[in-house]
Amino acid sequence: MTMPKVISFYLVLAAWMQRIAPVIPPLALRLILAWEFGESGYEKLMGTNWFADVTFPFPFSLLPADVSWQLSMWFELVGALALLLGVATRFFAISLMVLTTVAIAAVHWPEHWHTVGELLKGYRIVDEDGDGFGNYKLPVIYLAMFLPLLFGGAGYLSLDGWLSRYFLKGHRASLVQ
């Protein structure tokens, strides 16, 4: 292949990827996050409340452990369904981001740290050593995955996208008249 053909192929591929950008990436993010939070909510639904052993940050520490358990469980379950369908995506993205941030602070953050180096020891998936330095890597990844949904929305293949197209079409028609 000659260089102009390579460049031409690249440009055609990039244009095609740009056209599907509102479809595939948000859908993939929604499906992965729906699975993860749905699984976590289901585990809470079927499991026993262990929140009584957790110290939550203020103002969440004001809630009884049972209330925190129910709130987190239902936000995870309903949020997972909403992400799956792509409905109220921005609301559930920010809600689950708050829930994740509270989980980081209460459960995943290092128990004790005095230096940035010690804090960074907690940036891992699992605390295999049981050394108290936490395991906040996966929740931070979830927070990053929510950002495109929060700022860009659920994408074309979603109820949010359908509702937006439906109502904007009618709104545009009324603006023209």
Protein backbone atom coordinates (compact mmCIF):
# COMPACT_ATOMS: atom_id res chain seq x y z
CA MET A 1 0.00 0.00 0.00
CA THR A 2 1.22 3.44 -0.81
CA MET A 3 1.29 6.20 1.78
CA PRO A 4 -1.67 8.15 0.28
CA LYS A 5 -3.77 4.96 0.36
CA VAL A 6 -2.82 4.35 4.00
CA ILE A 7 -3.75 7.92 4.88
CA SER A 8 -7.00 7.65 2.92
CA PHE A 9 -7.87 4.38 4.65
CA TYR A 10 -7.10 5.94 8.03
CA LEU A 11 -9.31 8.95 7.30
CA VAL A 12 -12.22 6.76 6.18
CA LEU A 13 -11.82 4.61 9.29
CA ALA A 14 -11.62 7.68 11.55
CA ALA A 15 -14.77 9.14 9.93
CA TRP A 16 -16.64 5.87 10.45
CA MET A 17 -15.51 5.72 14.08
CA GLN A 18 -16.64 9.33 14.57
CA ARG A 19 -20.11 8.41 13.26
CA ILE A 20 -20.51 5.51 15.70
CA ALA A 21 -18.96 7.38 18.66
CA PRO A 22 -22.39 8.41 20.07
CA VAL A 23 -23.55 4.79 19.85
CA ILE A 24 -20.97 2.21 20.92
CA PRO A 25 -18.82 3.81 23.67
CA PRO A 26 -21.71 5.05 25.86
CA LEU A 27 -23.53 1.75 25.39
CA ALA A 28 -20.45 -0.23 26.41
CA LEU A 29 -19.89 1.96 29.48
CA ARG A 30 -23.55 1.68 30.49
CA LEU A 31 -23.55 -2.11 30.15
CA ILE A 32 -20.35 -2.62 32.14
CA LEU A 33 -21.37 -0.23 34.91
CA ALA A 34 -24.91 -1.67 35.02
CA TRP A 35 -23.44 -5.14 35.49
CA GLU A 36 -21.02 -4.05 38.22
CA PHE A 37 -23.51 -2.01 40.24
CA GLY A 38 -26.35 -4.48 39.65
CA GLU A 39 -24.15 -7.28 40.93
CA SER A 40 -23.21 -5.25 44.00
CA GLY A 41 -26.84 -4.36 44.69
CA TYR A 42 -27.92 -7.98 44.26
CA GLU A 43 -25.24 -9.13 46.70
CA LYS A 44 -26.60 -6.65 49.23
CA LEU A 45 -30.18 -7.78 48.54
CA MET A 46 -29.28 -11.43 49.16
CA GLY A 47 -26.65 -10.86 51.86
CA THR A 48 -26.48 -9.63 55.40
CA ASN A 49 -25.91 -6.04 56.44
CA TRP A 50 -22.24 -5.47 57.29
CA PHE A 51 -22.53 -1.66 57.30
CA ALA A 52 -22.76 -1.60 61.11
CA ASP A 53 -19.00 -2.36 61.14
CA VAL A 54 -18.18 0.54 58.79
CA THR A 55 -17.42 4.13 59.75
CA PHE A 56 -19.00 6.40 57.16
CA PRO A 57 -17.83 9.96 56.49
CA PHE A 58 -20.00 12.89 57.55
CA PRO A 59 -22.90 13.47 56.75
CA PHE A 60 -23.49 9.81 55.86
CA SER A 61 -22.43 8.83 59.38
CA LEU A 62 -25.67 10.43 60.62
CA LEU A 63 -27.75 7.70 58.98
CA PRO A 64 -28.33 4.38 60.74
CA ALA A 65 -26.48 1.43 59.17
CA ASP A 66 -29.76 -0.17 58.03
CA VAL A 67 -30.79 2.99 56.19
CA SER A 68 -27.38 3.27 54.51
CA TRP A 69 -27.60 -0.40 53.51
CA GLN A 70 -31.05 0.03 51.97
CA LEU A 71 -30.12 3.29 50.21
CA SER A 72 -26.98 1.87 48.67
CA MET A 73 -28.67 -1.40 47.70
CA TRP A 74 -31.62 0.28 45.99
CA PHE A 75 -29.51 2.93 44.29
CA GLU A 76 -27.28 0.16 42.93
CA LEU A 77 -30.20 -1.98 41.74
CA VAL A 78 -32.35 0.79 40.29
CA GLY A 79 -29.29 2.61 38.97
CA ALA A 80 -28.13 -0.54 37.20
CA LEU A 81 -31.52 -0.92 35.53
CA ALA A 82 -31.56 2.76 34.57
CA LEU A 83 -28.05 2.49 33.09
CA LEU A 84 -29.05 -0.64 31.20
CA LEU A 85 -32.03 1.15 29.64
CA GLY A 86 -30.25 4.47 29.38
CA VAL A 87 -32.90 6.39 31.28
CA ALA A 88 -32.12 9.27 33.68
CA THR A 89 -28.51 8.44 32.95
CA ARG A 90 -26.98 11.67 34.18
CA PHE A 91 -28.96 11.53 37.44
CA PHE A 92 -27.90 7.95 38.13
CA ALA A 93 -24.32 8.62 37.02
CA ILE A 94 -23.93 11.38 39.60
CA SER A 95 -25.85 9.37 42.23
CA LEU A 96 -23.66 6.31 41.75
CA MET A 97 -20.56 8.52 41.70
CA VAL A 98 -21.53 9.89 45.13
CA LEU A 99 -22.20 6.33 46.34
CA THR A 100 -18.81 5.21 45.00
CA THR A 101 -17.01 8.15 46.60
CA VAL A 102 -18.60 7.33 49.96
CA ALA A 103 -17.57 3.67 49.50
CA ILE A 104 -14.00 4.74 48.77
CA ALA A 105 -13.92 6.92 51.89
CA ALA A 106 -15.58 4.34 54.15
CA VAL A 107 -14.29 1.00 52.90
CA HIS A 108 -11.58 1.21 50.24
CA TRP A 109 -9.40 4.07 51.48
CA PRO A 110 -6.31 3.20 53.50
CA GLU A 111 -6.93 2.88 57.24
CA HIS A 112 -3.73 4.72 58.01
CA TRP A 113 -1.33 6.69 55.88
CA HIS A 114 1.11 9.46 56.56
CA THR A 115 2.75 9.99 53.17
CA VAL A 116 1.57 10.09 49.58
CA GLY A 117 3.61 6.92 49.01
CA GLU A 118 1.57 5.10 51.66
CA LEU A 119 -1.65 6.45 50.16
CA LEU A 120 -0.66 5.20 46.72
CA LYS A 121 -0.15 1.69 48.11
CA GLY A 122 -3.95 1.49 48.24
CA TYR A 123 -4.25 2.04 44.51
CA ARG A 124 -4.81 -1.64 43.80
CA ILE A 125 -7.71 -3.95 43.05
CA VAL A 126 -7.45 -6.24 46.10
CA ASP A 127 -5.85 -5.79 49.52
CA GLU A 128 -4.24 -9.23 49.38
CA ASP A 129 -1.71 -8.45 52.08
CA GLY A 130 -4.32 -7.24 54.57
CA ASP A 131 -1.93 -4.42 55.38
CA GLY A 132 -4.64 -1.78 55.85
CA PHE A 133 -3.60 0.30 52.85
CA GLY A 134 -6.95 -0.27 51.15
CA ASN A 135 -7.96 -1.05 47.61
CA TYR A 136 -9.50 1.93 45.85
CA LYS A 137 -8.31 1.34 42.28
CA LEU A 138 -11.51 -0.23 40.92
CA PRO A 139 -13.86 2.40 42.43
CA VAL A 140 -11.66 5.15 40.96
CA ILE A 141 -11.90 3.44 37.56
CA TYR A 142 -15.71 3.39 37.94
CA LEU A 143 -15.67 7.12 38.68
CA ALA A 144 -13.68 7.73 35.50
CA MET A 145 -16.09 5.51 33.51
CA PHE A 146 -19.05 7.58 34.71
CA LEU A 147 -17.59 10.87 33.45
CA PRO A 148 -18.48 10.39 29.75
CA LEU A 149 -22.02 9.39 30.75
CA LEU A 150 -22.36 12.36 33.07
CA PHE A 151 -21.11 14.92 30.54
CA GLY A 152 -22.09 13.24 27.25
CA GLY A 153 -25.25 11.40 28.20
CA ALA A 154 -26.42 7.86 27.54
CA GLY A 155 -25.82 7.91 23.79
CA TYR A 156 -27.99 7.13 20.80
CA LEU A 157 -29.09 3.64 21.88
CA SER A 158 -30.89 4.71 25.04
CA LEU A 159 -34.27 5.86 26.26
CA ASP A 160 -32.68 9.21 27.08
CA GLY A 161 -31.51 9.49 23.47
CA TRP A 162 -34.89 8.45 22.10
CA LEU A 163 -36.75 10.89 24.37
CA SER A 164 -34.35 13.66 23.43
CA ARG A 165 -34.82 13.02 19.71
CA TYR A 166 -38.61 12.74 20.10
CA PHE A 167 -39.06 15.91 22.14
CA LEU A 168 -36.46 17.95 20.28
CA LYS A 169 -38.13 17.11 16.98
CA GLY A 170 -41.45 18.47 18.26
CA HIS A 171 -39.73 21.43 19.90
CA ARG A 172 -37.89 22.36 16.71
CA ALA A 173 -41.15 22.25 14.76
CA SER A 174 -42.80 24.64 17.23
CA LEU A 175 -39.80 26.97 17.06
CA VAL A 176 -40.04 27.20 13.28
CA GLN A 177 -43.73 28.25 13.33
